[in-house]
Amino acid sequence: MLPLKVIHKIRFYDRRGSNVGVSVLKNAKWEELVSLFSLSESGLLCESIPITSKESFYFEREFDMRFDFSQFEYFLDCDQAD
């Protein structure tokens, strides 16, 4: 069986719950994400995972992202690649 290919994305919403945008994480390392969120490997396939200030340092460092937790909520999602 071939490994499942996924696209990792960060979706962000305003405090009213409206979808504001999405950032695709190019070259995200599966193992690092599993470790960062202390999940089983299958957890990243089926969950929308909230990102807190505790995890944001990884995305700031690896993907040069900035977070504003006073205005937005952030979630890590995985979509199956075509």
N, C-alpha and C. Protein backbone atom coordinates (compact mmCIF):
# COMPACT_ATOMS: atom_id res chain seq x y z
N MET A 1 0.84 -1.18 0.00
CA MET A 1 0.00 0.00 0.00
C MET A 1 0.89 1.25 0.00
N LEU A 2 0.57 2.20 -0.87
CA LEU A 2 1.34 3.44 -0.94
C LEU A 2 0.99 4.34 0.23
N PRO A 3 1.96 5.12 0.72
CA PRO A 3 1.66 6.05 1.81
C PRO A 3 0.65 7.10 1.35
N LEU A 4 -0.23 7.47 2.25
CA LEU A 4 -1.23 8.49 1.96
C LEU A 4 -0.54 9.85 1.90
N LYS A 5 -0.82 10.59 0.84
CA LYS A 5 -0.25 11.93 0.71
C LYS A 5 -1.27 12.94 1.20
N VAL A 6 -0.81 13.83 2.06
CA VAL A 6 -1.70 14.84 2.62
C VAL A 6 -1.10 16.22 2.44
N ILE A 7 -1.99 17.19 2.48
CA ILE A 7 -1.60 18.60 2.47
C ILE A 7 -1.95 19.15 3.84
N HIS A 8 -0.99 19.70 4.52
CA HIS A 8 -1.22 20.29 5.83
C HIS A 8 -1.57 21.76 5.65
N LYS A 9 -2.62 22.19 6.35
CA LYS A 9 -3.08 23.57 6.24
C LYS A 9 -3.38 24.12 7.62
N ILE A 10 -3.20 25.42 7.75
CA ILE A 10 -3.69 26.12 8.94
C ILE A 10 -4.85 26.98 8.48
N ARG A 11 -6.00 26.72 9.08
CA ARG A 11 -7.19 27.52 8.80
C ARG A 11 -7.38 28.48 9.97
N PHE A 12 -7.78 29.68 9.67
CA PHE A 12 -8.01 30.62 10.77
C PHE A 12 -9.36 31.30 10.63
N TYR A 13 -9.94 31.55 11.80
CA TYR A 13 -11.30 32.07 11.92
C TYR A 13 -11.30 33.27 12.84
N ASP A 14 -12.21 34.22 12.55
CA ASP A 14 -12.35 35.33 13.49
C ASP A 14 -13.12 34.83 14.71
N ARG A 15 -13.23 35.65 15.71
CA ARG A 15 -13.85 35.23 16.98
C ARG A 15 -15.34 34.96 16.85
N ARG A 16 -15.95 35.34 15.73
CA ARG A 16 -17.36 35.03 15.50
C ARG A 16 -17.53 33.68 14.82
N GLY A 17 -16.40 33.07 14.44
CA GLY A 17 -16.44 31.75 13.79
C GLY A 17 -16.43 31.80 12.29
N SER A 18 -16.27 32.98 11.70
CA SER A 18 -16.22 33.09 10.24
C SER A 18 -14.82 32.73 9.74
N ASN A 19 -14.78 31.92 8.70
CA ASN A 19 -13.52 31.51 8.10
C ASN A 19 -12.87 32.73 7.47
N VAL A 20 -11.65 33.03 7.91
CA VAL A 20 -10.93 34.19 7.42
C VAL A 20 -9.93 33.79 6.34
N GLY A 21 -9.30 32.64 6.50
CA GLY A 21 -8.30 32.25 5.51
C GLY A 21 -7.67 30.92 5.81
N VAL A 22 -6.76 30.57 4.93
CA VAL A 22 -6.05 29.31 5.05
C VAL A 22 -4.62 29.50 4.55
N SER A 23 -3.68 28.86 5.21
CA SER A 23 -2.29 28.85 4.78
C SER A 23 -1.87 27.40 4.57
N VAL A 24 -1.34 27.11 3.40
CA VAL A 24 -0.85 25.78 3.10
C VAL A 24 0.58 25.68 3.61
N LEU A 25 0.87 24.61 4.34
CA LEU A 25 2.21 24.40 4.89
C LEU A 25 3.00 23.53 3.93
N LYS A 26 3.86 24.13 3.18
CA LYS A 26 4.69 23.37 2.23
C LYS A 26 5.84 22.71 2.99
N ASN A 27 6.05 21.47 2.69
CA ASN A 27 7.15 20.69 3.28
C ASN A 27 7.01 20.50 4.79
N ALA A 28 5.78 20.44 5.27
CA ALA A 28 5.57 20.16 6.70
C ALA A 28 6.02 18.74 6.99
N LYS A 29 6.71 18.56 8.08
CA LYS A 29 7.22 17.23 8.44
C LYS A 29 6.21 16.53 9.35
N TRP A 30 5.68 15.43 8.84
CA TRP A 30 4.66 14.65 9.52
C TRP A 30 5.06 14.30 10.94
N GLU A 31 6.27 13.80 11.10
CA GLU A 31 6.73 13.36 12.41
C GLU A 31 6.79 14.52 13.41
N GLU A 32 7.19 15.68 12.95
CA GLU A 32 7.26 16.85 13.83
C GLU A 32 5.87 17.29 14.28
N LEU A 33 4.90 17.24 13.38
CA LEU A 33 3.53 17.62 13.73
C LEU A 33 2.93 16.64 14.74
N VAL A 34 3.17 15.36 14.52
CA VAL A 34 2.68 14.33 15.45
C VAL A 34 3.27 14.57 16.84
N SER A 35 4.56 14.85 16.89
CA SER A 35 5.23 15.09 18.16
C SER A 35 4.75 16.39 18.82
N LEU A 36 4.63 17.44 18.03
CA LEU A 36 4.22 18.75 18.55
C LEU A 36 2.88 18.69 19.26
N PHE A 37 1.93 17.96 18.67
CA PHE A 37 0.58 17.89 19.23
C PHE A 37 0.35 16.64 20.08
N SER A 38 1.39 15.84 20.27
CA SER A 38 1.30 14.62 21.09
C SER A 38 0.12 13.74 20.66
N LEU A 39 0.06 13.46 19.36
CA LEU A 39 -1.03 12.66 18.80
C LEU A 39 -0.53 11.36 18.22
N SER A 40 -1.47 10.45 18.01
CA SER A 40 -1.14 9.27 17.24
C SER A 40 -1.04 9.72 15.79
N GLU A 41 -0.39 8.92 14.96
CA GLU A 41 -0.23 9.31 13.56
C GLU A 41 -1.57 9.43 12.85
N SER A 42 -2.55 8.63 13.23
CA SER A 42 -3.85 8.71 12.57
C SER A 42 -4.63 9.94 13.00
N GLY A 43 -4.28 10.53 14.14
CA GLY A 43 -4.99 11.70 14.63
C GLY A 43 -4.94 12.87 13.69
N LEU A 44 -3.82 13.04 12.99
CA LEU A 44 -3.70 14.17 12.08
C LEU A 44 -4.55 14.00 10.83
N LEU A 45 -5.01 12.80 10.56
CA LEU A 45 -5.83 12.59 9.37
C LEU A 45 -7.29 12.91 9.60
N CYS A 46 -7.75 12.81 10.82
CA CYS A 46 -9.20 12.88 11.03
C CYS A 46 -9.63 13.99 11.97
N GLU A 47 -8.74 14.84 12.39
CA GLU A 47 -9.10 15.88 13.35
C GLU A 47 -8.71 17.25 12.84
N SER A 48 -9.48 18.23 13.25
CA SER A 48 -9.07 19.62 13.10
C SER A 48 -8.51 20.00 14.46
N ILE A 49 -7.24 20.28 14.52
CA ILE A 49 -6.54 20.43 15.79
C ILE A 49 -6.32 21.91 16.12
N PRO A 50 -6.84 22.37 17.25
CA PRO A 50 -6.61 23.77 17.62
C PRO A 50 -5.12 24.05 17.86
N ILE A 51 -4.68 25.20 17.40
CA ILE A 51 -3.32 25.65 17.63
C ILE A 51 -3.37 26.72 18.70
N THR A 52 -2.59 26.53 19.74
CA THR A 52 -2.51 27.52 20.82
C THR A 52 -1.16 28.22 20.74
N SER A 53 -0.97 29.18 21.61
CA SER A 53 0.31 29.89 21.64
C SER A 53 1.45 28.92 21.96
N LYS A 54 1.14 27.83 22.64
CA LYS A 54 2.16 26.82 22.95
C LYS A 54 2.73 26.18 21.68
N GLU A 55 1.89 25.91 20.69
CA GLU A 55 2.36 25.29 19.45
C GLU A 55 2.78 26.30 18.39
N SER A 56 2.36 27.53 18.53
CA SER A 56 2.59 28.51 17.47
C SER A 56 4.07 28.75 17.19
N PHE A 57 4.93 28.58 18.20
CA PHE A 57 6.37 28.83 17.99
C PHE A 57 6.91 27.98 16.85
N TYR A 58 6.44 26.74 16.73
CA TYR A 58 6.91 25.84 15.67
C TYR A 58 6.59 26.43 14.29
N PHE A 59 5.36 26.89 14.10
CA PHE A 59 4.94 27.42 12.81
C PHE A 59 5.59 28.77 12.53
N GLU A 60 5.83 29.55 13.56
CA GLU A 60 6.53 30.81 13.39
C GLU A 60 7.96 30.56 12.93
N ARG A 61 8.61 29.58 13.54
CA ARG A 61 10.00 29.27 13.21
C ARG A 61 10.13 28.58 11.85
N GLU A 62 9.31 27.58 11.61
CA GLU A 62 9.46 26.76 10.40
C GLU A 62 8.84 27.37 9.15
N PHE A 63 7.78 28.17 9.33
CA PHE A 63 7.03 28.67 8.17
C PHE A 63 6.91 30.19 8.14
N ASP A 64 7.63 30.86 9.03
CA ASP A 64 7.64 32.32 9.08
C ASP A 64 6.22 32.90 9.16
N MET A 65 5.39 32.29 10.00
CA MET A 65 4.02 32.74 10.20
C MET A 65 3.94 33.60 11.45
N ARG A 66 2.92 34.44 11.51
CA ARG A 66 2.64 35.24 12.69
C ARG A 66 1.21 34.96 13.12
N PHE A 67 1.00 34.91 14.43
CA PHE A 67 -0.32 34.60 14.99
C PHE A 67 -0.81 35.76 15.83
N ASP A 68 -2.11 36.02 15.76
CA ASP A 68 -2.74 37.03 16.59
C ASP A 68 -3.92 36.35 17.30
N PHE A 69 -3.65 35.78 18.46
CA PHE A 69 -4.65 35.02 19.19
C PHE A 69 -5.73 35.91 19.80
N SER A 70 -5.51 37.21 19.85
CA SER A 70 -6.55 38.10 20.37
C SER A 70 -7.67 38.30 19.35
N GLN A 71 -7.38 38.07 18.07
CA GLN A 71 -8.39 38.28 17.03
C GLN A 71 -8.82 37.02 16.31
N PHE A 72 -7.97 35.98 16.30
CA PHE A 72 -8.26 34.81 15.49
C PHE A 72 -8.05 33.51 16.26
N GLU A 73 -8.71 32.47 15.79
CA GLU A 73 -8.49 31.10 16.26
C GLU A 73 -7.88 30.34 15.10
N TYR A 74 -6.94 29.44 15.41
CA TYR A 74 -6.19 28.74 14.37
C TYR A 74 -6.34 27.23 14.57
N PHE A 75 -6.39 26.51 13.44
CA PHE A 75 -6.55 25.06 13.47
C PHE A 75 -5.67 24.42 12.40
N LEU A 76 -5.03 23.31 12.77
CA LEU A 76 -4.26 22.52 11.83
C LEU A 76 -5.18 21.48 11.23
N ASP A 77 -5.24 21.43 9.91
CA ASP A 77 -6.04 20.45 9.19
C ASP A 77 -5.15 19.73 8.19
N CYS A 78 -5.57 18.54 7.85
CA CYS A 78 -4.90 17.76 6.82
C CYS A 78 -5.92 17.34 5.78
N ASP A 79 -5.64 17.64 4.54
CA ASP A 79 -6.50 17.21 3.43
C ASP A 79 -5.72 16.23 2.58
N GLN A 80 -6.43 15.28 2.02
CA GLN A 80 -5.77 14.31 1.15
C GLN A 80 -5.38 14.99 -0.15
N ALA A 81 -4.13 14.76 -0.56
CA ALA A 81 -3.64 15.33 -1.81
C ALA A 81 -4.19 14.53 -2.98
N ASP A 82 -4.34 15.21 -4.10
CA ASP A 82 -4.82 14.52 -5.32
C ASP A 82 -3.77 13.64 -5.91
